[in-house]
């Protein structure tokens, strides 16, 4: 096991910037989200968590909107989770630049 939190260990001394695995960096999560948007056009909170491993998709969408200038709308929908319970979740709709 990597460490008691299940995270990749930090880089050792002399190995440059001390970072955990880049797979779940905010940048990597934003990139996965943008790749999905470019292919599918929209995503909901449940799918982002389950399929893209983004636990806080609203935060990544906020960054894409306000730091990177992307137009992404929010529509509230009722959707079942994998166990069948309905939840009110955000569905994010990407508008590619003209």
C-alpha atoms as a PDB file:
ATOM      1  CA  UNK A   1       0.000   0.000   0.000  1.00  0.00           C
ATOM      2  CA  UNK A   2       1.222   3.467  -0.764  1.00  0.00           C
ATOM      3  CA  UNK A   3       0.463   5.124   2.583  1.00  0.00           C
ATOM      4  CA  UNK A   4      -2.186   5.105   5.299  1.00  0.00           C
ATOM      5  CA  UNK A   5      -4.511   7.301   3.181  1.00  0.00           C
ATOM      6  CA  UNK A   6      -4.162   5.117   0.095  1.00  0.00           C
ATOM      7  CA  UNK A   7      -2.462   7.909  -1.835  1.00  0.00           C
ATOM      8  CA  UNK A   8       0.698   7.696  -3.860  1.00  0.00           C
ATOM      9  CA  UNK A   9       3.723   8.647  -1.748  1.00  0.00           C
ATOM     10  CA  UNK A  10       5.239  12.076  -2.082  1.00  0.00           C
ATOM     11  CA  UNK A  11       8.392  12.392  -4.145  1.00  0.00           C
ATOM     12  CA  UNK A  12      11.574  11.958  -2.150  1.00  0.00           C
ATOM     13  CA  UNK A  13      14.191  14.600  -1.466  1.00  0.00           C
ATOM     14  CA  UNK A  14      15.965  15.894  -4.517  1.00  0.00           C
ATOM     15  CA  UNK A  15      13.189  14.734  -6.858  1.00  0.00           C
ATOM     16  CA  UNK A  16      11.786  18.166  -7.584  1.00  0.00           C
ATOM     17  CA  UNK A  17       8.316  19.361  -6.643  1.00  0.00           C
ATOM     18  CA  UNK A  18       6.621  17.082  -4.128  1.00  0.00           C
ATOM     19  CA  UNK A  19       3.352  16.005  -5.757  1.00  0.00           C
ATOM     20  CA  UNK A  20       1.067  13.055  -5.536  1.00  0.00           C
ATOM     21  CA  UNK A  21       0.036  11.090  -8.607  1.00  0.00           C
ATOM     22  CA  UNK A  22      -1.056  13.426 -11.393  1.00  0.00           C
ATOM     23  CA  UNK A  23      -4.069  11.239 -12.304  1.00  0.00           C
ATOM     24  CA  UNK A  24      -6.315  13.020  -9.820  1.00  0.00           C
ATOM     25  CA  UNK A  25      -4.751  16.464  -9.934  1.00  0.00           C
ATOM     26  CA  UNK A  26      -7.265  19.224 -10.569  1.00  0.00           C
ATOM     27  CA  UNK A  27      -5.668  19.720 -13.969  1.00  0.00           C
ATOM     28  CA  UNK A  28      -6.079  16.055 -14.891  1.00  0.00           C
ATOM     29  CA  UNK A  29      -9.696  16.085 -13.718  1.00  0.00           C
ATOM     30  CA  UNK A  30     -10.435  19.202 -15.768  1.00  0.00           C
ATOM     31  CA  UNK A  31      -8.821  17.573 -18.806  1.00  0.00           C
ATOM     32  CA  UNK A  32     -10.925  14.417 -18.416  1.00  0.00           C
ATOM     33  CA  UNK A  33     -14.026  16.589 -18.098  1.00  0.00           C
ATOM     34  CA  UNK A  34     -13.160  18.635 -21.208  1.00  0.00           C
ATOM     35  CA  UNK A  35     -12.446  15.454 -23.190  1.00  0.00           C
ATOM     36  CA  UNK A  36     -15.887  14.153 -22.182  1.00  0.00           C
ATOM     37  CA  UNK A  37     -17.571  17.447 -23.103  1.00  0.00           C
ATOM     38  CA  UNK A  38     -15.940  17.482 -26.529  1.00  0.00           C
ATOM     39  CA  UNK A  39     -17.186  13.939 -27.187  1.00  0.00           C
ATOM     40  CA  UNK A  40     -20.601  13.951 -25.488  1.00  0.00           C
ATOM     41  CA  UNK A  41     -21.547  17.616 -25.005  1.00  0.00           C
ATOM     42  CA  UNK A  42     -22.931  17.168 -21.495  1.00  0.00           C
ATOM     43  CA  UNK A  43     -22.414  15.242 -18.281  1.00  0.00           C
ATOM     44  CA  UNK A  44     -24.252  14.851 -14.994  1.00  0.00           C
ATOM     45  CA  UNK A  45     -22.802  14.735 -11.502  1.00  0.00           C
ATOM     46  CA  UNK A  46     -23.332  10.979 -11.078  1.00  0.00           C
ATOM     47  CA  UNK A  47     -21.600  10.121 -14.364  1.00  0.00           C
ATOM     48  CA  UNK A  48     -18.686  12.474 -13.643  1.00  0.00           C
ATOM     49  CA  UNK A  49     -18.115  10.787 -10.296  1.00  0.00           C
ATOM     50  CA  UNK A  50     -18.602   7.217 -11.516  1.00  0.00           C
ATOM     51  CA  UNK A  51     -16.985   7.294 -14.977  1.00  0.00           C
ATOM     52  CA  UNK A  52     -14.419  10.092 -14.707  1.00  0.00           C
ATOM     53  CA  UNK A  53     -13.465   9.705 -11.029  1.00  0.00           C
ATOM     54  CA  UNK A  54     -14.207  13.378 -10.343  1.00  0.00           C
ATOM     55  CA  UNK A  55     -15.661  13.551  -6.843  1.00  0.00           C
ATOM     56  CA  UNK A  56     -16.455  17.285  -6.967  1.00  0.00           C
ATOM     57  CA  UNK A  57     -17.542  17.960 -10.558  1.00  0.00           C
ATOM     58  CA  UNK A  58     -19.160  21.302  -9.638  1.00  0.00           C
ATOM     59  CA  UNK A  59     -15.768  22.625  -8.543  1.00  0.00           C
ATOM     60  CA  UNK A  60     -14.084  21.508 -11.766  1.00  0.00           C
ATOM     61  CA  UNK A  61     -16.903  23.060 -13.829  1.00  0.00           C
ATOM     62  CA  UNK A  62     -16.532  26.295 -11.861  1.00  0.00           C
ATOM     63  CA  UNK A  63     -12.812  26.360 -12.691  1.00  0.00           C
ATOM     64  CA  UNK A  64     -13.497  25.673 -16.374  1.00  0.00           C
ATOM     65  CA  UNK A  65     -16.017  28.518 -16.457  1.00  0.00           C
ATOM     66  CA  UNK A  66     -14.225  31.168 -14.439  1.00  0.00           C
ATOM     67  CA  UNK A  67     -10.520  30.437 -14.965  1.00  0.00           C
ATOM     68  CA  UNK A  68     -10.604  29.011 -18.485  1.00  0.00           C
ATOM     69  CA  UNK A  69     -13.541  30.886 -20.015  1.00  0.00           C
ATOM     70  CA  UNK A  70     -15.685  27.937 -21.125  1.00  0.00           C
ATOM     71  CA  UNK A  71     -19.447  28.318 -21.414  1.00  0.00           C
ATOM     72  CA  UNK A  72     -21.057  25.511 -19.425  1.00  0.00           C
ATOM     73  CA  UNK A  73     -24.694  25.675 -18.368  1.00  0.00           C
ATOM     74  CA  UNK A  74     -26.282  23.892 -15.416  1.00  0.00           C
ATOM     75  CA  UNK A  75     -29.637  22.132 -15.640  1.00  0.00           C
ATOM     76  CA  UNK A  76     -31.096  20.383 -12.595  1.00  0.00           C
ATOM     77  CA  UNK A  77     -32.399  16.866 -13.306  1.00  0.00           C
ATOM     78  CA  UNK A  78     -33.740  13.910 -11.334  1.00  0.00           C
ATOM     79  CA  UNK A  79     -31.569  10.864 -11.918  1.00  0.00           C
ATOM     80  CA  UNK A  80     -31.207   7.480 -10.231  1.00  0.00           C
ATOM     81  CA  UNK A  81     -27.915   6.427  -8.685  1.00  0.00           C
ATOM     82  CA  UNK A  82     -26.539   2.944  -9.278  1.00  0.00           C
ATOM     83  CA  UNK A  83     -28.629   1.661  -6.359  1.00  0.00           C
ATOM     84  CA  UNK A  84     -31.805   3.058  -7.928  1.00  0.00           C
ATOM     85  CA  UNK A  85     -32.545   6.043  -5.688  1.00  0.00           C
ATOM     86  CA  UNK A  86     -33.533   9.290  -7.369  1.00  0.00           C
ATOM     87  CA  UNK A  87     -31.434  12.359  -6.690  1.00  0.00           C
ATOM     88  CA  UNK A  88     -31.593  15.932  -7.897  1.00  0.00           C
ATOM     89  CA  UNK A  89     -28.250  16.375  -9.656  1.00  0.00           C
ATOM     90  CA  UNK A  90     -26.602  18.893 -11.900  1.00  0.00           C
ATOM     91  CA  UNK A  91     -26.360  18.194 -15.602  1.00  0.00           C
ATOM     92  CA  UNK A  92     -23.654  20.316 -17.208  1.00  0.00           C
ATOM     93  CA  UNK A  93     -24.088  21.328 -20.836  1.00  0.00           C
ATOM     94  CA  UNK A  94     -20.975  22.410 -22.724  1.00  0.00           C
ATOM     95  CA  UNK A  95     -21.190  25.046 -25.455  1.00  0.00           C
ATOM     96  CA  UNK A  96     -18.164  24.827 -27.743  1.00  0.00           C
ATOM     97  CA  UNK A  97     -16.698  28.087 -28.945  1.00  0.00           C
ATOM     98  CA  UNK A  98     -18.007  29.264 -32.304  1.00  0.00           C
END
